[in-house]
C-alpha atoms as a PDB file:
ATOM      1  CA  MET A   1      66.699 104.004 129.581  1.00  0.00           C
ATOM      2  CA  ASP A   2      70.438 104.021 130.235  1.00  0.00           C
ATOM      3  CA  ILE A   3      72.848 104.467 127.328  1.00  0.00           C
ATOM      4  CA  ARG A   4      75.471 101.718 127.253  1.00  0.00           C
ATOM      5  CA  VAL A   5      78.658 102.191 125.232  1.00  0.00           C
ATOM      6  CA  LYS A   6      81.323  99.704 124.198  1.00  0.00           C
ATOM      7  CA  ILE A   7      84.780 101.007 123.358  1.00  0.00           C
ATOM      8  CA  CYS A   8      86.416  98.299 121.255  1.00  0.00           C
ATOM      9  CA  GLY A   9      89.953  97.627 120.072  1.00  0.00           C
ATOM     10  CA  LEU A  10      91.689  98.697 123.283  1.00  0.00           C
ATOM     11  CA  LYS A  11      95.396  97.937 123.597  1.00  0.00           C
ATOM     12  CA  GLN A  12      96.781 100.225 126.302  1.00  0.00           C
ATOM     13  CA  PRO A  13      95.990 100.292 130.058  1.00  0.00           C
ATOM     14  CA  GLU A  14      95.481 104.067 130.041  1.00  0.00           C
ATOM     15  CA  HIS A  15      92.814 103.800 127.361  1.00  0.00           C
ATOM     16  CA  VAL A  16      91.002 101.000 129.186  1.00  0.00           C
ATOM     17  CA  ALA A  17      91.035 103.228 132.267  1.00  0.00           C
ATOM     18  CA  ALA A  18      89.818 106.245 130.281  1.00  0.00           C
ATOM     19  CA  ALA A  19      86.896 104.259 128.858  1.00  0.00           C
ATOM     20  CA  ALA A  20      85.872 102.927 132.260  1.00  0.00           C
ATOM     21  CA  GLU A  21      86.231 106.289 133.999  1.00  0.00           C
ATOM     22  CA  ALA A  22      84.155 107.992 131.285  1.00  0.00           C
ATOM     23  CA  GLY A  23      81.295 105.566 131.840  1.00  0.00           C
ATOM     24  CA  ALA A  24      81.702 102.834 129.217  1.00  0.00           C
ATOM     25  CA  ALA A  25      79.659  99.727 130.010  1.00  0.00           C
ATOM     26  CA  TYR A  26      81.861  97.438 127.915  1.00  0.00           C
ATOM     27  CA  VAL A  27      85.488  97.328 126.826  1.00  0.00           C
ATOM     28  CA  GLY A  28      86.494  95.247 123.814  1.00  0.00           C
ATOM     29  CA  PHE A  29      89.696  93.439 122.916  1.00  0.00           C
ATOM     30  CA  VAL A  30      90.337  92.360 119.320  1.00  0.00           C
ATOM     31  CA  PHE A  31      91.808  88.955 118.486  1.00  0.00           C
ATOM     32  CA  PHE A  32      92.294  89.187 114.720  1.00  0.00           C
ATOM     33  CA  GLU A  33      95.829  89.321 113.381  1.00  0.00           C
ATOM     34  CA  LYS A  34      95.041  91.514 110.362  1.00  0.00           C
ATOM     35  CA  SER A  35      93.656  94.267 112.587  1.00  0.00           C
ATOM     36  CA  PRO A  36      95.812  97.158 113.845  1.00  0.00           C
ATOM     37  CA  ARG A  37      93.926  96.649 117.119  1.00  0.00           C
ATOM     38  CA  ASN A  38      94.960  93.016 117.526  1.00  0.00           C
ATOM     39  CA  VAL A  39      96.198  91.968 120.967  1.00  0.00           C
ATOM     40  CA  GLY A  40      97.877  88.788 122.172  1.00  0.00           C
ATOM     41  CA  LEU A  41      96.403  86.581 124.852  1.00  0.00           C
ATOM     42  CA  GLU A  42      98.825  87.580 127.588  1.00  0.00           C
ATOM     43  CA  GLN A  43      98.522  91.268 126.713  1.00  0.00           C
ATOM     44  CA  ALA A  44      94.744  90.978 126.862  1.00  0.00           C
ATOM     45  CA  ARG A  45      94.908  89.141 130.179  1.00  0.00           C
ATOM     46  CA  THR A  46      96.928  91.984 131.685  1.00  0.00           C
ATOM     47  CA  LEU A  47      94.470  94.548 130.389  1.00  0.00           C
ATOM     48  CA  ALA A  48      91.382  92.587 131.459  1.00  0.00           C
ATOM     49  CA  ILE A  49      92.556  91.980 135.011  1.00  0.00           C
ATOM     50  CA  ASP A  50      92.585  95.728 135.659  1.00  0.00           C
ATOM     51  CA  VAL A  51      89.109  96.427 134.245  1.00  0.00           C
ATOM     52  CA  PRO A  52      86.889  97.762 137.057  1.00  0.00           C
ATOM     53  CA  VAL A  53      84.100  95.575 138.375  1.00  0.00           C
ATOM     54  CA  GLY A  54      80.863  96.342 136.553  1.00  0.00           C
ATOM     55  CA  VAL A  55      82.485  96.953 133.160  1.00  0.00           C
ATOM     56  CA  ALA A  56      82.010  93.979 130.829  1.00  0.00           C
ATOM     57  CA  LYS A  57      85.084  92.554 129.095  1.00  0.00           C
ATOM     58  CA  VAL A  58      84.359  91.473 125.518  1.00  0.00           C
ATOM     59  CA  ALA A  59      86.592  89.456 123.172  1.00  0.00           C
ATOM     60  CA  LEU A  60      86.124  90.075 119.444  1.00  0.00           C
ATOM     61  CA  THR A  61      87.007  87.061 117.310  1.00  0.00           C
ATOM     62  CA  VAL A  62      86.594  86.330 113.599  1.00  0.00           C
ATOM     63  CA  ASN A  63      85.723  82.782 112.528  1.00  0.00           C
ATOM     64  CA  ALA A  64      87.787  81.448 115.425  1.00  0.00           C
ATOM     65  CA  ASP A  65      88.016  77.695 115.931  1.00  0.00           C
ATOM     66  CA  ASN A  66      87.583  75.882 119.229  1.00  0.00           C
ATOM     67  CA  ALA A  67      91.325  75.496 119.733  1.00  0.00           C
ATOM     68  CA  PHE A  68      91.797  79.264 119.810  1.00  0.00           C
ATOM     69  CA  LEU A  69      88.650  79.941 121.802  1.00  0.00           C
ATOM     70  CA  ASP A  70      89.729  77.334 124.385  1.00  0.00           C
ATOM     71  CA  GLN A  71      93.014  79.184 124.853  1.00  0.00           C
ATOM     72  CA  LEU A  72      91.265  82.531 124.942  1.00  0.00           C
ATOM     73  CA  VAL A  73      88.776  81.737 127.680  1.00  0.00           C
ATOM     74  CA  GLU A  74      91.397  79.884 129.722  1.00  0.00           C
ATOM     75  CA  THR A  75      93.828  82.820 129.597  1.00  0.00           C
ATOM     76  CA  VAL A  76      91.712  85.984 129.620  1.00  0.00           C
ATOM     77  CA  PRO A  77      88.974  86.714 132.187  1.00  0.00           C
ATOM     78  CA  LEU A  78      86.020  87.542 129.955  1.00  0.00           C
ATOM     79  CA  ASP A  79      82.337  88.368 130.283  1.00  0.00           C
ATOM     80  CA  MET A  80      81.290  87.984 126.644  1.00  0.00           C
ATOM     81  CA  LEU A  81      82.426  86.591 123.301  1.00  0.00           C
ATOM     82  CA  GLN A  82      81.810  88.641 120.150  1.00  0.00           C
ATOM     83  CA  LEU A  83      81.669  86.707 116.883  1.00  0.00           C
ATOM     84  CA  HIS A  84      82.480  89.086 114.049  1.00  0.00           C
ATOM     85  CA  GLY A  85      83.001  86.735 111.136  1.00  0.00           C
ATOM     86  CA  ASN A  86      80.778  84.536 108.974  1.00  0.00           C
ATOM     87  CA  GLU A  87      79.714  82.297 111.828  1.00  0.00           C
ATOM     88  CA  SER A  88      76.443  80.455 111.171  1.00  0.00           C
ATOM     89  CA  PRO A  89      73.540  80.487 113.625  1.00  0.00           C
ATOM     90  CA  GLU A  90      74.502  76.905 114.481  1.00  0.00           C
ATOM     91  CA  ARG A  91      78.044  77.992 115.296  1.00  0.00           C
ATOM     92  CA  VAL A  92      76.747  80.757 117.564  1.00  0.00           C
ATOM     93  CA  GLY A  93      74.769  78.141 119.485  1.00  0.00           C
ATOM     94  CA  GLU A  94      77.814  75.855 119.708  1.00  0.00           C
ATOM     95  CA  VAL A  95      79.989  78.632 121.144  1.00  0.00           C
ATOM     96  CA  ARG A  96      77.361  79.592 123.715  1.00  0.00           C
ATOM     97  CA  ALA A  97      76.991  75.987 124.860  1.00  0.00           C
ATOM     98  CA  ARG A  98      80.712  75.194 124.928  1.00  0.00           C
ATOM     99  CA  TYR A  99      81.918  78.202 126.931  1.00  0.00           C
ATOM    100  CA  GLY A 100      78.923  79.220 129.008  1.00  0.00           C
ATOM    101  CA  LEU A 101      79.488  82.877 128.164  1.00  0.00           C
ATOM    102  CA  PRO A 102      77.030  85.305 126.556  1.00  0.00           C
ATOM    103  CA  VAL A 103      77.646  85.608 122.814  1.00  0.00           C
ATOM    104  CA  MET A 104      77.262  88.752 120.735  1.00  0.00           C
ATOM    105  CA  LYS A 105      76.949  88.214 116.983  1.00  0.00           C
ATOM    106  CA  ALA A 106      77.880  90.976 114.561  1.00  0.00           C
ATOM    107  CA  ILE A 107      75.602  91.517 111.554  1.00  0.00           C
ATOM    108  CA  GLY A 108      76.892  93.578 108.628  1.00  0.00           C
ATOM    109  CA  ILE A 109      74.187  95.784 107.104  1.00  0.00           C
ATOM    110  CA  ALA A 110      74.208  97.224 103.586  1.00  0.00           C
ATOM    111  CA  ASP A 111      70.618  96.712 102.434  1.00  0.00           C
ATOM    112  CA  ALA A 112      67.225  95.376 103.509  1.00  0.00           C
ATOM    113  CA  GLU A 113      68.248  91.800 102.700  1.00  0.00           C
ATOM    114  CA  ASP A 114      70.935  91.986 105.381  1.00  0.00           C
ATOM    115  CA  VAL A 115      68.428  93.237 107.944  1.00  0.00           C
ATOM    116  CA  ALA A 116      66.561  89.916 107.695  1.00  0.00           C
ATOM    117  CA  LYS A 117      69.565  88.174 109.270  1.00  0.00           C
ATOM    118  CA  ILE A 118      68.937  90.059 112.498  1.00  0.00           C
ATOM    119  CA  ASP A 119      65.863  87.988 113.329  1.00  0.00           C
ATOM    120  CA  ILE A 120      67.695  84.753 112.500  1.00  0.00           C
ATOM    121  CA  TYR A 121      70.720  85.455 114.678  1.00  0.00           C
ATOM    122  CA  GLY A 122      68.616  87.184 117.310  1.00  0.00           C
ATOM    123  CA  ALA A 123      67.048  83.820 118.084  1.00  0.00           C
ATOM    124  CA  VAL A 124      70.397  82.228 119.025  1.00  0.00           C
ATOM    125  CA  ALA A 125      72.629  85.084 120.277  1.00  0.00           C
ATOM    126  CA  ASP A 126      72.489  86.923 123.585  1.00  0.00           C
ATOM    127  CA  GLN A 127      73.137  90.254 121.886  1.00  0.00           C
ATOM    128  CA  LEU A 128      73.560  91.560 118.348  1.00  0.00           C
ATOM    129  CA  LEU A 129      76.010  94.090 116.961  1.00  0.00           C
ATOM    130  CA  VAL A 130      74.406  95.861 113.998  1.00  0.00           C
ATOM    131  CA  ASP A 131      77.351  97.165 111.984  1.00  0.00           C
ATOM    132  CA  ALA A 132      78.140  98.506 108.535  1.00  0.00           C
ATOM    133  CA  LYS A 133      78.845  95.709 106.064  1.00  0.00           C
ATOM    134  CA  PRO A 134      82.497  95.965 104.997  1.00  0.00           C
ATOM    135  CA  PRO A 135      83.342  96.417 101.314  1.00  0.00           C
ATOM    136  CA  LYS A 136      84.243  93.192  99.509  1.00  0.00           C
ATOM    137  CA  THR A 137      87.839  94.402  99.233  1.00  0.00           C
ATOM    138  CA  ALA A 138      88.170  95.205 102.953  1.00  0.00           C
ATOM    139  CA  GLU A 139      90.564  93.131 105.031  1.00  0.00           C
ATOM    140  CA  LEU A 140      88.734  93.923 108.272  1.00  0.00           C
ATOM    141  CA  PRO A 141      85.189  92.787 109.098  1.00  0.00           C
ATOM    142  CA  GLY A 142      84.690  95.898 111.236  1.00  0.00           C
ATOM    143  CA  GLY A 143      86.477  98.961 112.541  1.00  0.00           C
ATOM    144  CA  ASN A 144      86.559 100.501 109.067  1.00  0.00           C
ATOM    145  CA  GLY A 145      84.944 103.772 110.113  1.00  0.00           C
ATOM    146  CA  LEU A 146      82.015 103.194 107.749  1.00  0.00           C
ATOM    147  CA  SER A 147      78.373 103.783 108.560  1.00  0.00           C
ATOM    148  CA  PHE A 148      75.267 102.428 106.850  1.00  0.00           C
ATOM    149  CA  ASP A 149      71.813 103.774 106.068  1.00  0.00           C
ATOM    150  CA  TRP A 150      70.376 104.036 109.578  1.00  0.00           C
ATOM    151  CA  ARG A 151      66.857 104.154 108.128  1.00  0.00           C
ATOM    152  CA  LEU A 152      67.179 100.404 107.574  1.00  0.00           C
ATOM    153  CA  VAL A 153      67.015  99.798 111.331  1.00  0.00           C
ATOM    154  CA  ASN A 154      64.912 102.809 112.264  1.00  0.00           C
ATOM    155  CA  ARG A 155      63.022 102.043 115.484  1.00  0.00           C
ATOM    156  CA  LYS A 156      63.033  98.307 114.850  1.00  0.00           C
ATOM    157  CA  TYR A 157      62.608  95.827 117.671  1.00  0.00           C
ATOM    158  CA  TRP A 158      64.692  92.677 117.624  1.00  0.00           C
ATOM    159  CA  PRO A 159      64.533  89.370 119.543  1.00  0.00           C
ATOM    160  CA  CYS A 160      67.419  90.334 121.839  1.00  0.00           C
ATOM    161  CA  PRO A 161      69.377  93.429 122.927  1.00  0.00           C
ATOM    162  CA  TRP A 162      71.452  95.078 120.213  1.00  0.00           C
ATOM    163  CA  MET A 163      74.231  97.588 119.693  1.00  0.00           C
ATOM    164  CA  LEU A 164      74.626 100.079 116.868  1.00  0.00           C
ATOM    165  CA  ALA A 165      78.082 100.224 115.288  1.00  0.00           C
ATOM    166  CA  GLY A 166      79.704 101.586 112.155  1.00  0.00           C
ATOM    167  CA  GLY A 167      81.277 104.991 111.711  1.00  0.00           C
ATOM    168  CA  LEU A 168      80.026 106.485 114.974  1.00  0.00           C
ATOM    169  CA  THR A 169      81.772 109.684 116.074  1.00  0.00           C
ATOM    170  CA  VAL A 170      81.249 112.483 118.542  1.00  0.00           C
ATOM    171  CA  ASP A 171      79.664 114.484 115.713  1.00  0.00           C
ATOM    172  CA  ASN A 172      77.029 111.981 114.582  1.00  0.00           C
ATOM    173  CA  VAL A 173      76.193 109.925 117.671  1.00  0.00           C
ATOM    174  CA  ALA A 174      73.169 111.992 118.677  1.00  0.00           C
ATOM    175  CA  GLU A 175      71.686 111.751 115.171  1.00  0.00           C
ATOM    176  CA  ALA A 176      72.400 108.017 115.032  1.00  0.00           C
ATOM    177  CA  MET A 177      70.588 107.402 118.301  1.00  0.00           C
ATOM    178  CA  GLN A 178      67.625 109.554 117.326  1.00  0.00           C
ATOM    179  CA  MET A 179      67.241 107.845 113.937  1.00  0.00           C
ATOM    180  CA  THR A 180      67.604 104.261 115.132  1.00  0.00           C
ATOM    181  CA  GLY A 181      66.408 104.310 118.714  1.00  0.00           C
ATOM    182  CA  ALA A 182      69.647 102.566 119.693  1.00  0.00           C
ATOM    183  CA  ARG A 183      70.493 102.592 123.385  1.00  0.00           C
ATOM    184  CA  GLN A 184      73.706 100.619 123.038  1.00  0.00           C
ATOM    185  CA  LEU A 185      76.614 101.859 120.935  1.00  0.00           C
ATOM    186  CA  ASP A 186      79.883 100.309 119.823  1.00  0.00           C
ATOM    187  CA  LEU A 187      82.849 102.098 118.304  1.00  0.00           C
ATOM    188  CA  SER A 188      86.545 101.771 117.716  1.00  0.00           C
ATOM    189  CA  SER A 189      87.969 103.991 114.968  1.00  0.00           C
ATOM    190  CA  GLY A 190      85.764 106.910 116.079  1.00  0.00           C
ATOM    191  CA  VAL A 191      87.989 107.460 119.121  1.00  0.00           C
ATOM    192  CA  GLU A 192      91.346 106.989 117.402  1.00  0.00           C
ATOM    193  CA  SER A 193      93.984 109.476 116.291  1.00  0.00           C
ATOM    194  CA  ALA A 194      95.330 106.857 113.834  1.00  0.00           C
ATOM    195  CA  PRO A 195      94.318 103.272 113.005  1.00  0.00           C
ATOM    196  CA  GLY A 196      94.673 101.258 116.200  1.00  0.00           C
ATOM    197  CA  VAL A 197      95.772 104.266 118.276  1.00  0.00           C
ATOM    198  CA  LYS A 198      93.133 105.256 120.824  1.00  0.00           C
ATOM    199  CA  ASP A 199      92.909 108.824 122.148  1.00  0.00           C
ATOM    200  CA  ALA A 200      91.781 109.291 125.759  1.00  0.00           C
ATOM    201  CA  GLY A 201      90.437 112.773 125.027  1.00  0.00           C
ATOM    202  CA  MET A 202      88.355 111.476 122.126  1.00  0.00           C
ATOM    203  CA  ILE A 203      87.016 108.660 124.316  1.00  0.00           C
ATOM    204  CA  ARG A 204      85.915 111.129 126.977  1.00  0.00           C
ATOM    205  CA  ALA A 205      84.352 113.472 124.410  1.00  0.00           C
ATOM    206  CA  PHE A 206      82.406 110.668 122.745  1.00  0.00           C
ATOM    207  CA  MET A 207      81.152 109.295 126.047  1.00  0.00           C
ATOM    208  CA  LYS A 208      79.966 112.721 127.104  1.00  0.00           C
ATOM    209  CA  ALA A 209      78.143 113.232 123.801  1.00  0.00           C
ATOM    210  CA  ALA A 210      76.537 109.774 123.897  1.00  0.00           C
ATOM    211  CA  LEU A 211      75.436 109.863 127.512  1.00  0.00           C
ATOM    212  CA  HIS A 212      73.887 113.316 127.112  1.00  0.00           C
ATOM    213  CA  ALA A 213      72.297 112.745 123.695  1.00  0.00           C
ATOM    214  CA  VAL A 214      68.899 111.821 125.112  1.00  0.00           C
END
């Protein structure tokens, strides 16, 4: 089975190009003002227009209301919406119906109780992002470079396709895939030289490691 990787939090054209050229299946743009990876609508539109055909363009939002999402989908050519906040299953369904785009819902995992949410959201989302649950003091819902106990999702099968996220790097990606059975991966900080600053060399190295891990 093919390995599909999403490089998230892209802000510069050269890094979008590096991700696509290295074989990424998805590129992600963050719309969350507290994040060092935040982009504006016009900036994202410019980046998205140049994404090669066949690479999915994903918008990460956090508890966004319809007014913002209306602007987003009208301005930026997108293939998927990623909901990375505290959106309820009902809200996921509303977003899917309103915009006619596939919706990926992020689930923060810290213990077995969190894992139970995967089945609930898996019934209403098109994809799931299984991520490390941020600390209560964290300002960001993701992109914190933290991993979780991969044994919690070891070889599980969910109602819809899923991605593994949380602290993935070139050094641990092979182990992460072997432990979880994940065939889709998402990362942001793992290919950065500083918070919000992507590194083309790190992107290429990670992609090579991920695509050759199995």
